[in-house]
Amino acid sequence: MEQVQIPTICPRFEKAMQILSKRWAGLIIFQLLPGPQRFCTIETSLPNISGRLLSERLKDLEQEGIVRRDVYPETPVRIEYSLTDKGRALESIFTEIAAWSQEWLPEQS
């Protein structure tokens, strides 16, 4: 009887999946694909996330080098979040997920 070869998970792939599978992380990245946005814009676009959790996820993604936080010394202070080159490199993955979801998932009512 032939034994089935089970592929091993690459540690880098595992780390990538841990980052992207944190609750809301993928949706935040997807929301930032068009360009820089303020906290309140992101929060409004994701109505089911709490401000506290959004802030926490943005910090996580910033620590991973995926999101950049820019502070503009205006009155009042303006803070914008955008994707770094590392974050923008995920665009093709999210485009493919969007296409897959359109083809394979039923429309939500």
C-alpha atoms as a PDB file:
ATOM      1  CA  MET A   1       0.000   0.000   0.000  1.00  0.00           C
ATOM      2  CA  GLU A   2       1.372   3.374  -1.036  1.00  0.00           C
ATOM      3  CA  GLN A   3       1.738   6.009   1.664  1.00  0.00           C
ATOM      4  CA  VAL A   4       0.298   9.457   1.004  1.00  0.00           C
ATOM      5  CA  GLN A   5       2.846  12.250   1.323  1.00  0.00           C
ATOM      6  CA  ILE A   6       1.459  14.966   3.598  1.00  0.00           C
ATOM      7  CA  PRO A   7       2.986  18.362   2.812  1.00  0.00           C
ATOM      8  CA  THR A   8       4.642  20.193   5.646  1.00  0.00           C
ATOM      9  CA  ILE A   9       3.724  23.789   6.371  1.00  0.00           C
ATOM     10  CA  CYS A  10       6.488  26.294   5.807  1.00  0.00           C
ATOM     11  CA  PRO A  11       7.066  28.426   8.951  1.00  0.00           C
ATOM     12  CA  ARG A  12       6.851  31.622   6.846  1.00  0.00           C
ATOM     13  CA  PHE A  13       3.509  30.551   5.386  1.00  0.00           C
ATOM     14  CA  GLU A  14       2.263  29.726   8.871  1.00  0.00           C
ATOM     15  CA  LYS A  15       3.330  33.173  10.138  1.00  0.00           C
ATOM     16  CA  ALA A  16       1.624  34.861   7.172  1.00  0.00           C
ATOM     17  CA  MET A  17      -1.604  33.001   7.876  1.00  0.00           C
ATOM     18  CA  GLN A  18      -1.423  33.941  11.573  1.00  0.00           C
ATOM     19  CA  ILE A  19      -1.120  37.626  10.650  1.00  0.00           C
ATOM     20  CA  LEU A  20      -3.870  37.616   8.023  1.00  0.00           C
ATOM     21  CA  SER A  21      -6.293  35.410   9.934  1.00  0.00           C
ATOM     22  CA  LYS A  22      -6.466  37.627  13.008  1.00  0.00           C
ATOM     23  CA  ARG A  23     -10.007  38.884  13.271  1.00  0.00           C
ATOM     24  CA  TRP A  24     -10.527  41.978  11.070  1.00  0.00           C
ATOM     25  CA  ALA A  25      -6.904  42.138   9.821  1.00  0.00           C
ATOM     26  CA  GLY A  26      -7.742  41.091   6.274  1.00  0.00           C
ATOM     27  CA  LEU A  27     -10.714  43.437   6.031  1.00  0.00           C
ATOM     28  CA  ILE A  28      -8.634  46.356   7.313  1.00  0.00           C
ATOM     29  CA  ILE A  29      -5.947  45.658   4.712  1.00  0.00           C
ATOM     30  CA  PHE A  30      -8.612  45.353   1.991  1.00  0.00           C
ATOM     31  CA  GLN A  31     -10.143  48.661   3.106  1.00  0.00           C
ATOM     32  CA  LEU A  32      -6.757  50.396   2.808  1.00  0.00           C
ATOM     33  CA  LEU A  33      -6.022  49.129  -0.724  1.00  0.00           C
ATOM     34  CA  PRO A  34      -7.485  52.246  -2.440  1.00  0.00           C
ATOM     35  CA  GLY A  35      -5.224  54.570  -0.433  1.00  0.00           C
ATOM     36  CA  PRO A  36      -4.663  56.384   2.878  1.00  0.00           C
ATOM     37  CA  GLN A  37      -7.622  56.709   5.229  1.00  0.00           C
ATOM     38  CA  ARG A  38      -8.372  58.205   8.591  1.00  0.00           C
ATOM     39  CA  PHE A  39      -9.381  56.070  11.564  1.00  0.00           C
ATOM     40  CA  CYS A  40     -13.017  57.217  11.457  1.00  0.00           C
ATOM     41  CA  THR A  41     -13.316  56.299   7.750  1.00  0.00           C
ATOM     42  CA  ILE A  42     -12.025  52.783   8.383  1.00  0.00           C
ATOM     43  CA  GLU A  43     -14.282  52.431  11.419  1.00  0.00           C
ATOM     44  CA  THR A  44     -17.334  53.554   9.423  1.00  0.00           C
ATOM     45  CA  SER A  45     -16.570  51.140   6.585  1.00  0.00           C
ATOM     46  CA  LEU A  46     -16.361  48.224   9.048  1.00  0.00           C
ATOM     47  CA  PRO A  47     -19.428  48.876  11.226  1.00  0.00           C
ATOM     48  CA  ASN A  48     -19.160  45.686  13.302  1.00  0.00           C
ATOM     49  CA  ILE A  49     -15.687  46.385  14.686  1.00  0.00           C
ATOM     50  CA  SER A  50     -15.210  48.293  17.930  1.00  0.00           C
ATOM     51  CA  GLY A  51     -12.918  51.298  17.997  1.00  0.00           C
ATOM     52  CA  ARG A  52     -10.726  49.563  20.565  1.00  0.00           C
ATOM     53  CA  LEU A  53     -10.279  46.463  18.405  1.00  0.00           C
ATOM     54  CA  LEU A  54      -9.663  48.531  15.257  1.00  0.00           C
ATOM     55  CA  SER A  55      -6.959  50.461  17.088  1.00  0.00           C
ATOM     56  CA  GLU A  56      -5.390  47.216  18.319  1.00  0.00           C
ATOM     57  CA  ARG A  57      -5.410  45.630  14.834  1.00  0.00           C
ATOM     58  CA  LEU A  58      -3.932  48.749  13.225  1.00  0.00           C
ATOM     59  CA  LYS A  59      -1.111  48.637  15.794  1.00  0.00           C
ATOM     60  CA  ASP A  60      -0.552  44.915  15.086  1.00  0.00           C
ATOM     61  CA  LEU A  61      -0.396  45.546  11.341  1.00  0.00           C
ATOM     62  CA  GLU A  62       1.914  48.520  11.882  1.00  0.00           C
ATOM     63  CA  GLN A  63       4.277  46.359  13.964  1.00  0.00           C
ATOM     64  CA  GLU A  64       4.302  43.784  11.150  1.00  0.00           C
ATOM     65  CA  GLY A  65       5.283  46.512   8.674  1.00  0.00           C
ATOM     66  CA  ILE A  66       2.041  46.175   6.691  1.00  0.00           C
ATOM     67  CA  VAL A  67       0.388  49.459   7.702  1.00  0.00           C
ATOM     68  CA  ARG A  68       1.948  52.891   8.114  1.00  0.00           C
ATOM     69  CA  ARG A  69       0.583  55.525  10.487  1.00  0.00           C
ATOM     70  CA  ASP A  70       1.242  59.117   9.423  1.00  0.00           C
ATOM     71  CA  VAL A  71       0.640  62.003  11.826  1.00  0.00           C
ATOM     72  CA  TYR A  72       0.137  65.468  10.340  1.00  0.00           C
ATOM     73  CA  PRO A  73       0.749  68.347  12.792  1.00  0.00           C
ATOM     74  CA  GLU A  74      -2.381  70.304  11.952  1.00  0.00           C
ATOM     75  CA  THR A  75      -5.079  71.660  14.198  1.00  0.00           C
ATOM     76  CA  PRO A  76      -6.688  69.301  14.968  1.00  0.00           C
ATOM     77  CA  VAL A  77      -4.001  66.666  14.434  1.00  0.00           C
ATOM     78  CA  ARG A  78      -4.711  64.486  11.401  1.00  0.00           C
ATOM     79  CA  ILE A  79      -3.700  60.813  11.441  1.00  0.00           C
ATOM     80  CA  GLU A  80      -3.881  58.670   8.328  1.00  0.00           C
ATOM     81  CA  TYR A  81      -3.272  54.972   7.843  1.00  0.00           C
ATOM     82  CA  SER A  82      -1.951  53.504   4.616  1.00  0.00           C
ATOM     83  CA  LEU A  83      -0.354  50.329   3.342  1.00  0.00           C
ATOM     84  CA  THR A  84       3.411  50.028   3.162  1.00  0.00           C
ATOM     85  CA  ASP A  85       5.043  48.327   0.166  1.00  0.00           C
ATOM     86  CA  LYS A  86       4.818  45.103   2.171  1.00  0.00           C
ATOM     87  CA  GLY A  87       1.080  45.665   2.668  1.00  0.00           C
ATOM     88  CA  ARG A  88       0.487  46.706  -0.946  1.00  0.00           C
ATOM     89  CA  ALA A  89       2.167  43.456  -2.049  1.00  0.00           C
ATOM     90  CA  LEU A  90      -0.924  41.667  -0.677  1.00  0.00           C
ATOM     91  CA  GLU A  91      -3.189  43.363  -3.249  1.00  0.00           C
ATOM     92  CA  SER A  92      -3.088  40.509  -5.779  1.00  0.00           C
ATOM     93  CA  ILE A  93      -3.994  38.010  -3.050  1.00  0.00           C
ATOM     94  CA  PHE A  94      -7.011  40.075  -1.984  1.00  0.00           C
ATOM     95  CA  THR A  95      -8.055  40.580  -5.622  1.00  0.00           C
ATOM     96  CA  GLU A  96      -8.025  36.795  -6.085  1.00  0.00           C
ATOM     97  CA  ILE A  97     -10.016  36.251  -2.868  1.00  0.00           C
ATOM     98  CA  ALA A  98     -12.575  38.819  -4.066  1.00  0.00           C
ATOM     99  CA  ALA A  99     -12.885  37.045  -7.438  1.00  0.00           C
ATOM    100  CA  TRP A 100     -13.175  33.643  -5.744  1.00  0.00           C
ATOM    101  CA  SER A 101     -15.882  34.940  -3.399  1.00  0.00           C
ATOM    102  CA  GLN A 102     -17.882  36.341  -6.327  1.00  0.00           C
ATOM    103  CA  GLU A 103     -17.797  32.990  -8.097  1.00  0.00           C
ATOM    104  CA  TRP A 104     -18.205  30.556  -5.234  1.00  0.00           C
ATOM    105  CA  LEU A 105     -20.081  32.212  -2.365  1.00  0.00           C
ATOM    106  CA  PRO A 106     -23.820  32.920  -2.405  1.00  0.00           C
ATOM    107  CA  GLU A 107     -24.931  36.534  -2.311  1.00  0.00           C
ATOM    108  CA  GLN A 108     -25.822  37.722   1.201  1.00  0.00           C
ATOM    109  CA  SER A 109     -29.303  39.190   1.649  1.00  0.00           C
END
